[in-house]
Amino acid sequence: MTVAYTLCGDANLDFTVNGADLNTVLSNYNKTGMYWSQGDFNYDGTVNGADLNMVLSNYNRSVSLGAAVPEPSALLLATAGLLGLLCYGWRKRR
């Protein structure tokens, strides 16, 4: 499983900040209790000027789907394996 990176302002998670995302922010502007998909990109619970600035700063930008990041547990497992090999090598030298 991979986790995909997206830009701030991409409310519908289509990897592009466009008019649909701007409409989401504008339709929920000054509303409280909102989430990312409703335009609250800084997680303060309110869609406000800060969220609108995030959309405008990334407007017409997109992320390629090749920018996927491995799941954190896979990185942890790989790190643990490397650490185990290093410890084994160190003990074998002594």
Protein backbone atom coordinates (compact mmCIF):
# COMPACT_ATOMS: atom_id res chain seq x y z
CA MET A 1 0.00 0.00 0.00
CA THR A 2 1.23 3.49 -0.79
CA VAL A 3 0.26 6.93 0.41
CA ALA A 4 -0.06 9.55 -2.32
CA TYR A 5 1.09 13.13 -1.87
CA THR A 6 -1.23 15.95 -2.92
CA LEU A 7 -1.03 19.73 -2.84
CA CYS A 8 -2.64 21.98 -0.26
CA GLY A 9 -5.83 23.20 -1.83
CA ASP A 10 -6.74 19.92 -3.53
CA ALA A 11 -10.06 19.35 -1.78
CA ASN A 12 -11.30 16.54 -4.04
CA LEU A 13 -7.91 14.72 -4.10
CA ASP A 14 -7.66 14.56 -7.89
CA PHE A 15 -3.98 15.66 -7.67
CA THR A 16 -4.77 19.03 -9.30
CA VAL A 17 -5.75 22.32 -7.69
CA ASN A 18 -8.35 23.82 -10.00
CA GLY A 19 -11.72 25.57 -10.15
CA ALA A 20 -13.54 22.70 -8.45
CA ASP A 21 -11.33 23.10 -5.38
CA LEU A 22 -11.77 26.87 -5.43
CA ASN A 23 -15.55 26.42 -5.57
CA THR A 24 -15.38 24.09 -2.55
CA VAL A 25 -13.56 26.71 -0.50
CA LEU A 26 -15.85 29.53 -1.62
CA SER A 27 -19.03 27.57 -0.91
CA ASN A 28 -17.86 26.75 2.64
CA TYR A 29 -16.18 30.10 3.38
CA ASN A 30 -16.49 31.20 7.04
CA LYS A 31 -18.13 27.90 8.04
CA THR A 32 -16.82 26.03 11.06
CA GLY A 33 -16.51 22.30 11.72
CA MET A 34 -15.15 21.66 8.23
CA TYR A 35 -12.69 19.02 6.99
CA TRP A 36 -10.09 18.82 4.19
CA SER A 37 -12.69 17.75 1.62
CA GLN A 38 -14.75 20.81 2.55
CA GLY A 39 -11.87 23.27 2.17
CA ASP A 40 -10.18 23.34 5.60
CA PHE A 41 -6.58 22.74 4.50
CA ASN A 42 -4.86 23.89 7.69
CA TYR A 43 -7.12 21.85 10.01
CA ASP A 44 -8.22 24.77 12.18
CA GLY A 45 -11.88 23.81 11.77
CA THR A 46 -12.82 26.92 9.78
CA VAL A 47 -12.66 27.61 6.07
CA ASN A 48 -11.18 31.09 5.91
CA GLY A 49 -8.67 33.30 4.11
CA ALA A 50 -5.74 31.05 5.00
CA ASP A 51 -7.38 28.14 3.20
CA LEU A 52 -8.27 30.35 0.24
CA ASN A 53 -4.62 31.44 0.02
CA MET A 54 -3.53 27.80 -0.13
CA VAL A 55 -5.82 27.18 -3.09
CA LEU A 56 -4.69 30.32 -4.87
CA SER A 57 -0.98 29.65 -4.29
CA ASN A 58 -1.28 26.18 -5.87
CA TYR A 59 -3.91 27.02 -8.50
CA ASN A 60 -3.42 25.11 -11.79
CA ARG A 61 -0.63 23.00 -10.27
CA SER A 62 -0.75 19.23 -10.15
CA VAL A 63 1.18 16.29 -8.74
CA SER A 64 2.27 13.37 -10.88
CA LEU A 65 1.05 10.01 -9.66
CA GLY A 66 4.65 8.76 -9.63
CA ALA A 67 5.22 10.77 -6.44
CA ALA A 68 3.88 8.00 -4.21
CA VAL A 69 5.57 7.42 -0.86
CA PRO A 70 5.98 3.97 0.71
CA GLU A 71 3.86 3.17 3.71
CA PRO A 72 5.60 4.07 7.00
CA SER A 73 5.42 0.50 8.32
CA ALA A 74 7.42 -0.73 5.29
CA LEU A 75 10.11 1.85 6.03
CA LEU A 76 10.16 0.80 9.69
CA LEU A 77 10.54 -2.86 8.71
CA ALA A 78 13.40 -2.08 6.33
CA THR A 79 15.14 0.03 8.99
CA ALA A 80 14.78 -2.74 11.57
CA GLY A 81 16.25 -5.28 9.13
CA LEU A 82 19.22 -3.05 8.34
CA LEU A 83 19.83 -2.42 12.03
CA GLY A 84 19.74 -6.18 12.68
CA LEU A 85 22.31 -6.82 9.95
CA LEU A 86 24.59 -4.12 11.31
CA CYS A 87 24.38 -5.58 14.84
CA TYR A 88 25.08 -9.08 13.52
CA GLY A 89 28.14 -7.84 11.62
CA TRP A 90 29.42 -5.94 14.64
CA ARG A 91 29.08 -8.97 16.94
CA LYS A 92 30.74 -11.24 14.38
CA ARG A 93 33.79 -8.91 14.22
CA ARG A 94 34.30 -9.04 17.98
